[in-house]
């Protein structure tokens, strides 16, 4: 699986170069589902906003792509904005469709199983260790 962060017109993959602008343009309306594209055999991540107190990212997953198990010290909100996804939290599977969201509790092992192409918004609020 390839994970790429797309920023503006630049594709960053394993690069030490710092992009000029990590966030979307402020005070401008955006159609979130259209700011990120699918890339063959890849997971693409675009930062919407990144602050020390948390961040919001939009992600696209090509068919057959997912994320391996991880645990975060913060609650995370995942919202599907296109397609359908399977998110497993503490070994319990949740199928989410476009428009649905789920809160992944802090310290809960979770992963995203490959289940066709989809896009989602991921919001992390760093309120402190819970």
N, C-alpha and C. Protein backbone atom coordinates (compact mmCIF):
# COMPACT_ATOMS: atom_id res chain seq x y z
N UNK A 1 0.85 -1.17 0.00
CA UNK A 1 0.00 0.00 0.00
C UNK A 1 0.88 1.23 0.00
N UNK A 2 0.51 2.19 -0.80
CA UNK A 2 1.21 3.46 -0.82
C UNK A 2 0.34 4.49 -0.13
N UNK A 3 0.95 5.31 0.72
CA UNK A 3 0.23 6.42 1.34
C UNK A 3 0.88 7.69 0.84
N UNK A 4 0.08 8.57 0.30
CA UNK A 4 0.59 9.81 -0.25
C UNK A 4 -0.18 10.97 0.35
N UNK A 5 0.52 12.06 0.61
CA UNK A 5 -0.15 13.27 1.06
C UNK A 5 -0.10 14.23 -0.11
N UNK A 6 -1.27 14.62 -0.55
CA UNK A 6 -1.36 15.52 -1.69
C UNK A 6 -1.63 16.92 -1.17
N UNK A 7 -0.75 17.83 -1.53
CA UNK A 7 -0.87 19.19 -1.07
C UNK A 7 -0.76 20.09 -2.29
N UNK A 8 -1.83 20.79 -2.57
CA UNK A 8 -1.83 21.62 -3.79
C UNK A 8 -1.61 20.72 -4.98
N UNK A 9 -0.58 20.99 -5.74
CA UNK A 9 -0.26 20.18 -6.90
C UNK A 9 0.91 19.24 -6.62
N UNK A 10 1.41 19.20 -5.39
CA UNK A 10 2.58 18.40 -5.07
C UNK A 10 2.18 17.07 -4.46
N UNK A 11 2.84 15.99 -4.85
CA UNK A 11 2.68 14.70 -4.20
C UNK A 11 3.90 14.47 -3.33
N UNK A 12 3.68 14.23 -2.05
CA UNK A 12 4.77 14.02 -1.11
C UNK A 12 4.73 12.56 -0.70
N UNK A 13 5.82 11.85 -0.93
CA UNK A 13 5.90 10.45 -0.50
C UNK A 13 7.32 10.19 -0.04
N UNK A 14 7.48 10.09 1.26
CA UNK A 14 8.80 9.82 1.81
C UNK A 14 9.78 10.95 1.55
N UNK A 15 9.30 12.14 1.35
CA UNK A 15 10.15 13.27 1.03
C UNK A 15 10.44 14.08 2.28
N UNK A 16 11.62 14.68 2.35
CA UNK A 16 11.93 15.54 3.48
C UNK A 16 11.60 16.99 3.16
N UNK A 17 11.20 17.27 1.93
CA UNK A 17 10.83 18.63 1.53
C UNK A 17 9.57 19.06 2.27
N UNK A 18 9.57 20.28 2.75
CA UNK A 18 8.38 20.80 3.44
C UNK A 18 7.48 21.51 2.46
N UNK A 19 6.21 21.11 2.39
CA UNK A 19 5.29 21.80 1.50
C UNK A 19 5.06 23.24 1.99
N UNK A 20 4.76 24.11 1.07
CA UNK A 20 4.54 25.52 1.40
C UNK A 20 3.27 25.69 2.20
N UNK A 21 2.19 25.02 1.80
CA UNK A 21 0.90 25.23 2.46
C UNK A 21 0.29 23.88 2.81
N UNK A 22 0.16 23.59 4.11
CA UNK A 22 -0.40 22.33 4.54
C UNK A 22 -1.92 22.33 4.61
N UNK A 23 -2.54 23.48 4.65
CA UNK A 23 -3.98 23.57 4.87
C UNK A 23 -4.70 24.09 3.63
N UNK A 24 -6.01 23.90 3.64
CA UNK A 24 -6.84 24.49 2.59
C UNK A 24 -6.89 26.00 2.76
N UNK A 25 -7.19 26.67 1.68
CA UNK A 25 -7.32 28.12 1.73
C UNK A 25 -8.46 28.51 2.65
N UNK A 26 -8.19 29.48 3.52
CA UNK A 26 -9.21 29.93 4.48
C UNK A 26 -10.15 30.93 3.83
N UNK A 27 -11.32 31.09 4.43
CA UNK A 27 -12.36 32.04 3.97
C UNK A 27 -12.79 31.77 2.53
N UNK A 28 -12.77 30.50 2.15
CA UNK A 28 -13.20 30.09 0.81
C UNK A 28 -13.99 28.80 0.95
N UNK A 29 -15.13 28.71 0.28
CA UNK A 29 -15.95 27.49 0.32
C UNK A 29 -15.25 26.37 -0.45
N UNK A 30 -15.31 25.17 0.09
CA UNK A 30 -14.69 24.00 -0.55
C UNK A 30 -15.72 22.88 -0.61
N UNK A 31 -15.70 22.13 -1.69
CA UNK A 31 -16.49 20.90 -1.79
C UNK A 31 -15.52 19.79 -1.40
N UNK A 32 -15.62 19.34 -0.17
CA UNK A 32 -14.60 18.47 0.42
C UNK A 32 -14.41 17.18 -0.39
N UNK A 33 -15.48 16.57 -0.85
CA UNK A 33 -15.36 15.32 -1.59
C UNK A 33 -14.58 15.51 -2.91
N UNK A 34 -14.51 16.74 -3.39
CA UNK A 34 -13.81 17.01 -4.65
C UNK A 34 -12.37 17.49 -4.48
N UNK A 35 -11.92 17.73 -3.24
CA UNK A 35 -10.55 18.24 -3.07
C UNK A 35 -9.51 17.13 -3.05
N UNK A 36 -9.97 15.89 -3.08
CA UNK A 36 -9.05 14.76 -3.08
C UNK A 36 -9.49 13.77 -4.14
N UNK A 37 -8.52 13.17 -4.80
CA UNK A 37 -8.81 12.20 -5.86
C UNK A 37 -8.33 10.82 -5.44
N UNK A 38 -8.83 9.81 -6.11
CA UNK A 38 -8.34 8.46 -5.91
C UNK A 38 -7.04 8.31 -6.70
N UNK A 39 -6.12 7.53 -6.16
CA UNK A 39 -4.88 7.22 -6.86
C UNK A 39 -4.74 5.70 -6.82
N UNK A 40 -4.42 5.11 -7.95
CA UNK A 40 -4.34 3.66 -8.06
C UNK A 40 -3.47 3.05 -6.96
N UNK A 41 -3.99 2.02 -6.32
CA UNK A 41 -3.26 1.25 -5.31
C UNK A 41 -2.72 2.10 -4.16
N UNK A 42 -3.44 3.16 -3.79
CA UNK A 42 -2.93 4.08 -2.78
C UNK A 42 -4.01 4.59 -1.84
N UNK A 43 -3.53 5.07 -0.71
CA UNK A 43 -4.33 5.87 0.22
C UNK A 43 -3.76 7.28 0.10
N UNK A 44 -4.62 8.26 -0.18
CA UNK A 44 -4.17 9.64 -0.34
C UNK A 44 -4.73 10.46 0.83
N UNK A 45 -3.89 11.30 1.41
CA UNK A 45 -4.29 12.13 2.55
C UNK A 45 -4.03 13.59 2.22
N UNK A 46 -5.03 14.42 2.47
CA UNK A 46 -4.87 15.87 2.29
C UNK A 46 -5.28 16.55 3.59
N UNK A 47 -4.44 17.43 4.08
CA UNK A 47 -4.71 18.15 5.31
C UNK A 47 -5.68 19.29 5.04
N UNK A 48 -6.74 19.35 5.82
CA UNK A 48 -7.68 20.46 5.74
C UNK A 48 -7.22 21.56 6.69
N UNK A 49 -6.94 21.17 7.94
CA UNK A 49 -6.41 22.11 8.92
C UNK A 49 -5.56 21.33 9.91
N UNK A 50 -4.44 21.92 10.31
CA UNK A 50 -3.53 21.25 11.24
C UNK A 50 -3.09 22.26 12.30
N UNK A 51 -3.40 21.93 13.54
CA UNK A 51 -3.05 22.78 14.67
C UNK A 51 -2.48 21.90 15.78
N UNK A 52 -1.84 22.51 16.76
CA UNK A 52 -1.28 21.74 17.87
C UNK A 52 -2.39 21.07 18.69
N UNK A 53 -3.60 21.61 18.61
CA UNK A 53 -4.73 21.06 19.37
C UNK A 53 -5.53 20.01 18.61
N UNK A 54 -5.14 19.73 17.37
CA UNK A 54 -5.82 18.70 16.59
C UNK A 54 -5.70 18.97 15.11
N UNK A 55 -6.25 18.07 14.33
CA UNK A 55 -6.22 18.26 12.88
C UNK A 55 -7.41 17.60 12.23
N UNK A 56 -7.68 18.06 11.00
CA UNK A 56 -8.74 17.50 10.16
C UNK A 56 -8.10 17.16 8.83
N UNK A 57 -8.31 15.94 8.38
CA UNK A 57 -7.76 15.49 7.10
C UNK A 57 -8.85 14.81 6.30
N UNK A 58 -8.70 14.84 4.99
CA UNK A 58 -9.59 14.08 4.12
C UNK A 58 -8.72 13.01 3.47
N UNK A 59 -9.29 11.81 3.33
CA UNK A 59 -8.53 10.68 2.82
C UNK A 59 -9.31 9.97 1.73
N UNK A 60 -8.59 9.47 0.73
CA UNK A 60 -9.23 8.62 -0.28
C UNK A 60 -8.51 7.27 -0.28
N UNK A 61 -9.29 6.21 -0.41
CA UNK A 61 -8.77 4.84 -0.41
C UNK A 61 -9.16 4.18 -1.72
N UNK A 62 -8.19 3.70 -2.47
CA UNK A 62 -8.50 2.95 -3.68
C UNK A 62 -8.98 1.55 -3.28
N UNK A 63 -9.62 0.85 -4.20
CA UNK A 63 -10.10 -0.51 -3.94
C UNK A 63 -8.95 -1.37 -3.43
N UNK A 64 -9.21 -2.14 -2.40
CA UNK A 64 -8.20 -3.04 -1.86
C UNK A 64 -7.24 -2.39 -0.88
N UNK A 65 -7.39 -1.09 -0.63
CA UNK A 65 -6.49 -0.38 0.29
C UNK A 65 -7.17 -0.14 1.62
N UNK A 66 -6.41 -0.21 2.70
CA UNK A 66 -6.92 0.04 4.03
C UNK A 66 -5.80 0.60 4.90
N UNK A 67 -6.02 0.62 6.20
CA UNK A 67 -4.99 1.05 7.15
C UNK A 67 -4.79 -0.04 8.18
N UNK A 68 -3.54 -0.28 8.54
CA UNK A 68 -3.25 -1.31 9.53
C UNK A 68 -3.68 -0.86 10.92
N UNK A 69 -3.71 -1.81 11.83
CA UNK A 69 -4.18 -1.52 13.19
C UNK A 69 -3.29 -0.49 13.87
N UNK A 70 -3.95 0.44 14.55
CA UNK A 70 -3.24 1.47 15.31
C UNK A 70 -4.08 1.84 16.52
N UNK A 71 -3.46 2.57 17.43
CA UNK A 71 -4.14 3.08 18.61
C UNK A 71 -3.72 4.53 18.78
N UNK A 72 -4.68 5.40 19.07
CA UNK A 72 -4.39 6.82 19.26
C UNK A 72 -4.70 7.22 20.70
N UNK A 73 -3.93 8.13 21.27
CA UNK A 73 -4.23 8.59 22.63
C UNK A 73 -5.40 9.57 22.67
N UNK A 74 -6.00 9.88 21.51
CA UNK A 74 -7.08 10.85 21.43
C UNK A 74 -8.31 10.25 20.75
N UNK A 75 -9.49 10.74 21.12
CA UNK A 75 -10.70 10.37 20.39
C UNK A 75 -10.56 10.86 18.96
N UNK A 76 -11.06 10.08 18.02
CA UNK A 76 -11.00 10.42 16.60
C UNK A 76 -12.38 10.24 15.99
N UNK A 77 -12.80 11.21 15.19
CA UNK A 77 -14.09 11.12 14.50
C UNK A 77 -13.83 10.83 13.03
N UNK A 78 -14.40 9.75 12.52
CA UNK A 78 -14.28 9.38 11.11
C UNK A 78 -15.66 9.52 10.46
N UNK A 79 -15.74 10.25 9.35
CA UNK A 79 -17.00 10.44 8.62
C UNK A 79 -16.78 10.06 7.16
N UNK A 80 -17.62 9.16 6.66
CA UNK A 80 -17.54 8.73 5.27
C UNK A 80 -18.24 9.78 4.41
N UNK A 81 -17.55 10.27 3.38
CA UNK A 81 -18.15 11.28 2.51
C UNK A 81 -18.40 10.77 1.10
N UNK A 82 -17.90 9.56 0.80
CA UNK A 82 -18.19 8.93 -0.49
C UNK A 82 -17.91 7.44 -0.36
N UNK A 83 -18.83 6.63 -0.83
CA UNK A 83 -18.64 5.19 -0.80
C UNK A 83 -19.03 4.57 0.53
N UNK A 84 -18.39 3.45 0.83
CA UNK A 84 -18.70 2.67 2.02
C UNK A 84 -17.39 2.14 2.59
N UNK A 85 -17.28 2.07 3.93
CA UNK A 85 -16.05 1.61 4.56
C UNK A 85 -16.35 0.70 5.74
N UNK A 86 -15.41 -0.18 6.01
CA UNK A 86 -15.50 -1.02 7.20
C UNK A 86 -14.42 -0.58 8.17
N UNK A 87 -14.84 -0.11 9.34
CA UNK A 87 -13.92 0.33 10.38
C UNK A 87 -14.08 -0.63 11.55
N UNK A 88 -12.97 -1.21 11.98
CA UNK A 88 -12.99 -2.18 13.08
C UNK A 88 -12.40 -1.50 14.31
N UNK A 89 -13.19 -1.47 15.39
CA UNK A 89 -12.77 -0.84 16.65
C UNK A 89 -12.89 -1.90 17.74
N UNK A 90 -11.80 -2.16 18.45
CA UNK A 90 -11.80 -3.18 19.51
C UNK A 90 -12.40 -4.50 19.01
N UNK A 91 -12.01 -4.89 17.82
CA UNK A 91 -12.42 -6.16 17.19
C UNK A 91 -13.90 -6.22 16.81
N UNK A 92 -14.59 -5.07 16.83
CA UNK A 92 -15.99 -5.00 16.42
C UNK A 92 -16.06 -4.25 15.10
N UNK A 93 -16.67 -4.88 14.09
CA UNK A 93 -16.76 -4.31 12.75
C UNK A 93 -17.95 -3.36 12.63
N UNK A 94 -17.71 -2.23 11.98
CA UNK A 94 -18.76 -1.24 11.73
C UNK A 94 -18.72 -0.89 10.25
N UNK A 95 -19.83 -1.07 9.55
CA UNK A 95 -19.94 -0.70 8.14
C UNK A 95 -20.58 0.68 8.08
N UNK A 96 -19.87 1.64 7.52
CA UNK A 96 -20.37 3.00 7.41
C UNK A 96 -20.54 3.36 5.95
N UNK A 97 -21.63 4.05 5.64
CA UNK A 97 -21.90 4.51 4.29
C UNK A 97 -21.80 6.03 4.24
N UNK A 98 -21.80 6.57 3.04
CA UNK A 98 -21.68 8.01 2.84
C UNK A 98 -22.64 8.76 3.75
N UNK A 99 -22.11 9.74 4.47
CA UNK A 99 -22.91 10.54 5.39
C UNK A 99 -22.86 10.05 6.83
N UNK A 100 -22.36 8.84 7.05
CA UNK A 100 -22.30 8.31 8.41
C UNK A 100 -20.91 8.55 9.02
N UNK A 101 -20.88 8.65 10.34
CA UNK A 101 -19.64 8.85 11.05
C UNK A 101 -19.60 8.01 12.30
N UNK A 102 -18.39 7.87 12.87
CA UNK A 102 -18.21 7.10 14.09
C UNK A 102 -17.08 7.72 14.90
N UNK A 103 -17.22 7.68 16.23
CA UNK A 103 -16.15 8.14 17.10
C UNK A 103 -15.32 6.92 17.50
N UNK A 104 -14.03 7.00 17.22
CA UNK A 104 -13.10 5.95 17.63
C UNK A 104 -12.52 6.40 18.97
N UNK A 105 -12.84 5.69 20.05
CA UNK A 105 -12.38 6.12 21.37
C UNK A 105 -10.85 6.09 21.50
N UNK A 106 -10.33 7.00 22.32
CA UNK A 106 -8.90 7.01 22.62
C UNK A 106 -8.49 5.64 23.15
N UNK A 107 -7.29 5.22 22.80
CA UNK A 107 -6.67 3.98 23.29
C UNK A 107 -7.35 2.70 22.80
N UNK A 108 -8.23 2.81 21.79
CA UNK A 108 -8.90 1.62 21.25
C UNK A 108 -8.20 1.18 19.98
N UNK A 109 -7.74 -0.06 19.91
CA UNK A 109 -7.14 -0.54 18.67
C UNK A 109 -8.17 -0.49 17.54
N UNK A 110 -7.75 0.00 16.39
CA UNK A 110 -8.69 0.13 15.26
C UNK A 110 -7.95 0.02 13.95
N UNK A 111 -8.69 -0.37 12.91
CA UNK A 111 -8.13 -0.40 11.56
C UNK A 111 -9.25 -0.29 10.55
N UNK A 112 -8.87 0.00 9.32
CA UNK A 112 -9.83 0.13 8.22
C UNK A 112 -9.57 -1.01 7.26
N UNK A 113 -10.60 -1.83 7.05
CA UNK A 113 -10.47 -2.98 6.15
C UNK A 113 -10.76 -2.55 4.71
N UNK A 114 -10.01 -3.07 3.77
CA UNK A 114 -10.30 -2.77 2.36
C UNK A 114 -11.71 -3.22 2.01
N UNK A 115 -12.46 -2.34 1.36
CA UNK A 115 -13.86 -2.65 1.06
C UNK A 115 -14.33 -1.79 -0.12
N UNK A 116 -13.51 -1.65 -1.14
CA UNK A 116 -13.86 -0.80 -2.27
C UNK A 116 -13.38 0.63 -2.06
N UNK A 117 -13.53 1.45 -3.10
CA UNK A 117 -13.11 2.84 -3.03
C UNK A 117 -14.01 3.65 -2.09
N UNK A 118 -13.39 4.54 -1.31
CA UNK A 118 -14.19 5.45 -0.49
C UNK A 118 -13.33 6.64 -0.06
N UNK A 119 -14.03 7.69 0.40
CA UNK A 119 -13.37 8.88 0.92
C UNK A 119 -13.94 9.16 2.30
N UNK A 120 -13.09 9.70 3.18
CA UNK A 120 -13.55 10.03 4.52
C UNK A 120 -12.82 11.24 5.07
N UNK A 121 -13.45 11.87 6.05
CA UNK A 121 -12.84 12.96 6.80
C UNK A 121 -12.48 12.39 8.17
N UNK A 122 -11.26 12.67 8.61
CA UNK A 122 -10.79 12.22 9.90
C UNK A 122 -10.48 13.44 10.76
N UNK A 123 -11.11 13.54 11.93
CA UNK A 123 -10.92 14.67 12.83
C UNK A 123 -10.36 14.17 14.16
N UNK A 124 -9.22 14.74 14.56
CA UNK A 124 -8.60 14.39 15.84
C UNK A 124 -8.54 15.65 16.68
N UNK A 125 -9.09 15.57 17.90
CA UNK A 125 -9.03 16.69 18.84
C UNK A 125 -8.09 16.27 19.96
N UNK A 126 -6.99 16.98 20.08
CA UNK A 126 -5.98 16.65 21.09
C UNK A 126 -6.29 17.39 22.38
N UNK A 127 -7.22 16.83 23.14
CA UNK A 127 -7.66 17.48 24.37
C UNK A 127 -6.82 17.05 25.57
N UNK A 128 -5.85 16.22 25.34
CA UNK A 128 -5.03 15.70 26.43
C UNK A 128 -5.23 14.21 26.54
N UNK A 129 -4.34 13.56 27.24
CA UNK A 129 -4.45 12.13 27.41
C UNK A 129 -5.62 11.80 28.32
N UNK A 130 -6.40 10.84 27.91
CA UNK A 130 -7.61 10.50 28.67
C UNK A 130 -7.46 9.14 29.30
